[in-house]
Amino acid sequence: MTDATMILNEDGTASEASPAALEILGVTLEQLVELPGGAFSPTAPDPEASAAFREQWERQGSPDIGGEATIRRLDGERVRIRFALSHLEDGRFRAVLIPVAGAVEAPTVIYTAGEVLAGWRAAERRLAALPPDSPEIDVVQADIAAFRAQYQELFRSRT
């Protein structure tokens, strides 16, 4: 499967997108570049909340971020996606989108690469501390696999 990638301008508008990203979003490239930032938000954007998030993110050094969210395509269909967002040298951003199963009503979840690594390491320490016959082993191994997948998505957004 070809990666679903987009190049976003600093203001959140799109300048480029792969065919796979366009398919997820349900638009043509011509339509996409004409849309304002936030056009796929399932609810009306809150400018104050967006500004507060951006200020906090910039205060933390604008790290790569990833997460899960629901988008609303222009035809009204809501789709749950996993995403990773990274800075490009020219000031724009590269986004990787992956459709996932999940409740479209679920809240947006955002994490940084540092948070993913910390969670991954903590899960590995928990696994090492468990006795071999512990019923928790499967749960902790699933956590480790989820952290690994999240980290790989963030890393893939850098390439």
C-alpha atoms as a PDB file:
ATOM      1  CA  MET A   1       0.000   0.000   0.000  1.00  0.00           C
ATOM      2  CA  THR A   2       1.257   3.446  -0.881  1.00  0.00           C
ATOM      3  CA  ASP A   3       1.631   5.831   2.033  1.00  0.00           C
ATOM      4  CA  ALA A   4      -1.114   8.391   2.420  1.00  0.00           C
ATOM      5  CA  THR A   5       0.929  11.564   2.804  1.00  0.00           C
ATOM      6  CA  MET A   6       0.230  15.260   2.612  1.00  0.00           C
ATOM      7  CA  ILE A   7       2.350  18.392   2.703  1.00  0.00           C
ATOM      8  CA  LEU A   8       0.747  21.096   4.821  1.00  0.00           C
ATOM      9  CA  ASN A   9       1.597  24.766   4.793  1.00  0.00           C
ATOM     10  CA  GLU A  10       2.232  26.543   8.084  1.00  0.00           C
ATOM     11  CA  ASP A  11      -1.380  27.818   8.104  1.00  0.00           C
ATOM     12  CA  GLY A  12      -2.785  24.263   7.887  1.00  0.00           C
ATOM     13  CA  THR A  13      -3.728  24.381   4.216  1.00  0.00           C
ATOM     14  CA  ALA A  14      -2.499  21.576   1.960  1.00  0.00           C
ATOM     15  CA  SER A  15      -0.123  22.016  -0.931  1.00  0.00           C
ATOM     16  CA  GLU A  16       0.486  18.377  -1.944  1.00  0.00           C
ATOM     17  CA  ALA A  17      -1.057  14.975  -1.319  1.00  0.00           C
ATOM     18  CA  SER A  18      -0.506  11.423  -2.473  1.00  0.00           C
ATOM     19  CA  PRO A  19      -3.311   9.556  -4.257  1.00  0.00           C
ATOM     20  CA  ALA A  20      -3.793   7.423  -1.120  1.00  0.00           C
ATOM     21  CA  ALA A  21      -4.299  10.548   1.036  1.00  0.00           C
ATOM     22  CA  LEU A  22      -6.758  11.979  -1.476  1.00  0.00           C
ATOM     23  CA  GLU A  23      -8.701   8.703  -1.374  1.00  0.00           C
ATOM     24  CA  ILE A  24      -8.921   8.805   2.447  1.00  0.00           C
ATOM     25  CA  LEU A  25     -10.047  12.431   2.349  1.00  0.00           C
ATOM     26  CA  GLY A  26     -12.440  11.870  -0.557  1.00  0.00           C
ATOM     27  CA  VAL A  27     -11.231  14.849  -2.598  1.00  0.00           C
ATOM     28  CA  THR A  28      -9.168  15.692  -5.656  1.00  0.00           C
ATOM     29  CA  LEU A  29      -5.889  17.554  -5.300  1.00  0.00           C
ATOM     30  CA  GLU A  30      -7.512  20.613  -6.870  1.00  0.00           C
ATOM     31  CA  GLN A  31     -10.261  20.571  -4.225  1.00  0.00           C
ATOM     32  CA  LEU A  32      -7.802  19.941  -1.403  1.00  0.00           C
ATOM     33  CA  VAL A  33      -5.522  22.900  -2.105  1.00  0.00           C
ATOM     34  CA  GLU A  34      -8.531  25.245  -2.183  1.00  0.00           C
ATOM     35  CA  LEU A  35      -9.799  24.185   1.253  1.00  0.00           C
ATOM     36  CA  PRO A  36      -9.018  26.177   4.404  1.00  0.00           C
ATOM     37  CA  GLY A  37      -7.087  24.616   7.284  1.00  0.00           C
ATOM     38  CA  GLY A  38      -9.408  22.580   9.502  1.00  0.00           C
ATOM     39  CA  ALA A  39     -11.781  21.735   6.651  1.00  0.00           C
ATOM     40  CA  PHE A  40     -11.858  18.056   7.686  1.00  0.00           C
ATOM     41  CA  SER A  41     -12.602  18.718  11.344  1.00  0.00           C
ATOM     42  CA  PRO A  42     -15.802  16.944  12.446  1.00  0.00           C
ATOM     43  CA  THR A  43     -16.739  19.994  14.520  1.00  0.00           C
ATOM     44  CA  ALA A  44     -16.324  23.711  13.944  1.00  0.00           C
ATOM     45  CA  PRO A  45     -12.742  24.698  14.789  1.00  0.00           C
ATOM     46  CA  ASP A  46     -12.279  26.619  18.046  1.00  0.00           C
ATOM     47  CA  PRO A  47      -9.739  29.373  17.250  1.00  0.00           C
ATOM     48  CA  GLU A  48      -8.888  29.919  20.922  1.00  0.00           C
ATOM     49  CA  ALA A  49      -8.274  26.222  21.575  1.00  0.00           C
ATOM     50  CA  SER A  50      -6.216  25.937  18.376  1.00  0.00           C
ATOM     51  CA  ALA A  51      -4.101  28.952  19.349  1.00  0.00           C
ATOM     52  CA  ALA A  52      -3.565  27.574  22.869  1.00  0.00           C
ATOM     53  CA  PHE A  53      -2.536  24.168  21.499  1.00  0.00           C
ATOM     54  CA  ARG A  54      -0.135  25.732  19.017  1.00  0.00           C
ATOM     55  CA  GLU A  55       1.401  27.986  21.690  1.00  0.00           C
ATOM     56  CA  GLN A  56       1.971  25.011  24.012  1.00  0.00           C
ATOM     57  CA  TRP A  57       3.359  22.896  21.157  1.00  0.00           C
ATOM     58  CA  GLU A  58       5.779  25.654  20.107  1.00  0.00           C
ATOM     59  CA  ARG A  59       6.799  26.181  23.738  1.00  0.00           C
ATOM     60  CA  GLN A  60       7.816  22.494  23.791  1.00  0.00           C
ATOM     61  CA  GLY A  61      10.013  22.996  20.718  1.00  0.00           C
ATOM     62  CA  SER A  62       7.423  21.900  18.104  1.00  0.00           C
ATOM     63  CA  PRO A  63       8.138  18.167  18.408  1.00  0.00           C
ATOM     64  CA  ASP A  64       6.833  15.644  15.903  1.00  0.00           C
ATOM     65  CA  ILE A  65       3.371  14.581  16.945  1.00  0.00           C
ATOM     66  CA  GLY A  66       1.073  11.701  16.200  1.00  0.00           C
ATOM     67  CA  GLY A  67      -2.265  10.454  17.329  1.00  0.00           C
ATOM     68  CA  GLU A  68      -5.725   9.340  16.407  1.00  0.00           C
ATOM     69  CA  ALA A  69      -8.607  11.522  15.319  1.00  0.00           C
ATOM     70  CA  THR A  70     -11.832  11.521  13.393  1.00  0.00           C
ATOM     71  CA  ILE A  71     -12.079  13.469  10.159  1.00  0.00           C
ATOM     72  CA  ARG A  72     -15.214  14.521   8.317  1.00  0.00           C
ATOM     73  CA  ARG A  73     -14.907  14.175   4.582  1.00  0.00           C
ATOM     74  CA  LEU A  74     -16.661  16.723   2.359  1.00  0.00           C
ATOM     75  CA  ASP A  75     -19.394  14.158   1.625  1.00  0.00           C
ATOM     76  CA  GLY A  76     -20.132  14.047   5.378  1.00  0.00           C
ATOM     77  CA  GLU A  77     -18.673  10.596   6.033  1.00  0.00           C
ATOM     78  CA  ARG A  78     -16.666  10.433   9.244  1.00  0.00           C
ATOM     79  CA  VAL A  79     -13.471   8.365   9.199  1.00  0.00           C
ATOM     80  CA  ARG A  80     -11.146   7.455  12.070  1.00  0.00           C
ATOM     81  CA  ILE A  81      -7.469   7.939  11.228  1.00  0.00           C
ATOM     82  CA  ARG A  82      -4.099   7.563  12.855  1.00  0.00           C
ATOM     83  CA  PHE A  83      -1.723  10.384  11.920  1.00  0.00           C
ATOM     84  CA  ALA A  84       1.876  11.516  12.278  1.00  0.00           C
ATOM     85  CA  LEU A  85       3.034  15.068  11.657  1.00  0.00           C
ATOM     86  CA  SER A  86       6.627  16.242  11.266  1.00  0.00           C
ATOM     87  CA  HIS A  87       8.411  19.466  10.349  1.00  0.00           C
ATOM     88  CA  LEU A  88      10.074  19.901   6.993  1.00  0.00           C
ATOM     89  CA  GLU A  89      13.137  22.088   6.540  1.00  0.00           C
ATOM     90  CA  ASP A  90      11.165  24.674   4.545  1.00  0.00           C
ATOM     91  CA  GLY A  91       8.724  25.332   7.439  1.00  0.00           C
ATOM     92  CA  ARG A  92       5.915  23.162   6.107  1.00  0.00           C
ATOM     93  CA  PHE A  93       4.766  19.855   7.595  1.00  0.00           C
ATOM     94  CA  ARG A  94       4.538  16.297   6.318  1.00  0.00           C
ATOM     95  CA  ALA A  95       1.510  14.332   7.484  1.00  0.00           C
ATOM     96  CA  VAL A  96       1.050  10.573   7.215  1.00  0.00           C
ATOM     97  CA  LEU A  97      -2.548   9.314   7.423  1.00  0.00           C
ATOM     98  CA  ILE A  98      -3.665   5.764   8.155  1.00  0.00           C
ATOM     99  CA  PRO A  99      -7.356   4.830   8.319  1.00  0.00           C
ATOM    100  CA  VAL A 100      -8.107   2.716  11.394  1.00  0.00           C
ATOM    101  CA  ALA A 101     -11.055   0.869  12.821  1.00  0.00           C
ATOM    102  CA  GLY A 102     -12.544   2.619  15.768  1.00  0.00           C
ATOM    103  CA  ALA A 103     -15.417   4.638  17.020  1.00  0.00           C
ATOM    104  CA  VAL A 104     -15.672   7.919  15.155  1.00  0.00           C
ATOM    105  CA  GLU A 105     -17.088   9.401  18.368  1.00  0.00           C
ATOM    106  CA  ALA A 106     -13.824   8.702  20.220  1.00  0.00           C
ATOM    107  CA  PRO A 107     -11.884  11.805  21.241  1.00  0.00           C
ATOM    108  CA  THR A 108      -8.751  12.957  19.480  1.00  0.00           C
ATOM    109  CA  VAL A 109      -5.539  11.632  21.037  1.00  0.00           C
ATOM    110  CA  ILE A 110      -2.225  13.424  20.455  1.00  0.00           C
ATOM    111  CA  TYR A 111       1.243  12.323  21.554  1.00  0.00           C
ATOM    112  CA  THR A 112       4.873  13.281  20.941  1.00  0.00           C
ATOM    113  CA  ALA A 113       7.714  10.933  20.023  1.00  0.00           C
ATOM    114  CA  GLY A 114       9.170  11.452  23.502  1.00  0.00           C
ATOM    115  CA  GLU A 115       5.913  10.387  25.138  1.00  0.00           C
ATOM    116  CA  VAL A 116       5.757   7.284  22.953  1.00  0.00           C
ATOM    117  CA  LEU A 117       9.349   6.318  23.792  1.00  0.00           C
ATOM    118  CA  ALA A 118       8.768   6.879  27.511  1.00  0.00           C
ATOM    119  CA  GLY A 119       5.629   4.733  27.424  1.00  0.00           C
ATOM    120  CA  TRP A 120       7.404   2.036  25.429  1.00  0.00           C
ATOM    121  CA  ARG A 121      10.323   1.904  27.869  1.00  0.00           C
ATOM    122  CA  ALA A 122       7.976   1.827  30.868  1.00  0.00           C
ATOM    123  CA  ALA A 123       6.029  -1.069  29.315  1.00  0.00           C
ATOM    124  CA  GLU A 124       9.271  -2.981  28.678  1.00  0.00           C
ATOM    125  CA  ARG A 125      10.287  -2.458  32.332  1.00  0.00           C
ATOM    126  CA  ARG A 126       6.849  -3.713  33.458  1.00  0.00           C
ATOM    127  CA  LEU A 127       7.230  -6.787  31.240  1.00  0.00           C
ATOM    128  CA  ALA A 128      10.704  -7.549  32.613  1.00  0.00           C
ATOM    129  CA  ALA A 129       9.365  -7.342  36.185  1.00  0.00           C
ATOM    130  CA  LEU A 130       6.474  -9.768  35.606  1.00  0.00           C
ATOM    131  CA  PRO A 131       6.782 -13.424  36.568  1.00  0.00           C
ATOM    132  CA  PRO A 132       6.734 -15.792  33.556  1.00  0.00           C
ATOM    133  CA  ASP A 133       3.255 -17.100  34.389  1.00  0.00           C
ATOM    134  CA  SER A 134       1.649 -13.684  34.918  1.00  0.00           C
ATOM    135  CA  PRO A 135      -1.705 -13.152  33.190  1.00  0.00           C
ATOM    136  CA  GLU A 136      -0.602  -9.542  32.505  1.00  0.00           C
ATOM    137  CA  ILE A 137       2.115 -10.560  30.030  1.00  0.00           C
ATOM    138  CA  ASP A 138      -0.216 -10.508  27.016  1.00  0.00           C
ATOM    139  CA  VAL A 139      -1.577  -7.081  27.941  1.00  0.00           C
ATOM    140  CA  VAL A 140       1.887  -5.561  28.407  1.00  0.00           C
ATOM    141  CA  GLN A 141       3.140  -7.147  25.171  1.00  0.00           C
ATOM    142  CA  ALA A 142       0.151  -5.598  23.362  1.00  0.00           C
ATOM    143  CA  ASP A 143       1.042  -2.219  24.897  1.00  0.00           C
ATOM    144  CA  ILE A 144       4.630  -2.595  23.664  1.00  0.00           C
ATOM    145  CA  ALA A 145       3.404  -3.472  20.163  1.00  0.00           C
ATOM    146  CA  ALA A 146       1.116  -0.402  20.159  1.00  0.00           C
ATOM    147  CA  PHE A 147       3.959   1.896  21.271  1.00  0.00           C
ATOM    148  CA  ARG A 148       6.250   0.389  18.613  1.00  0.00           C
ATOM    149  CA  ALA A 149       3.615   1.022  15.914  1.00  0.00           C
ATOM    150  CA  GLN A 150       3.103   4.614  17.101  1.00  0.00           C
ATOM    151  CA  TYR A 151       6.848   5.251  17.073  1.00  0.00           C
ATOM    152  CA  GLN A 152       7.240   3.735  13.600  1.00  0.00           C
ATOM    153  CA  GLU A 153       4.456   5.991  12.289  1.00  0.00           C
ATOM    154  CA  LEU A 154       6.174   9.060  13.738  1.00  0.00           C
ATOM    155  CA  PHE A 155       9.515   7.935  12.304  1.00  0.00           C
ATOM    156  CA  ARG A 156       7.944   7.227   8.899  1.00  0.00           C
ATOM    157  CA  SER A 157       6.564  10.778   8.825  1.00  0.00           C
ATOM    158  CA  ARG A 158      10.194  12.036   8.909  1.00  0.00           C
ATOM    159  CA  THR A 159      11.191  10.246   5.684  1.00  0.00           C
END
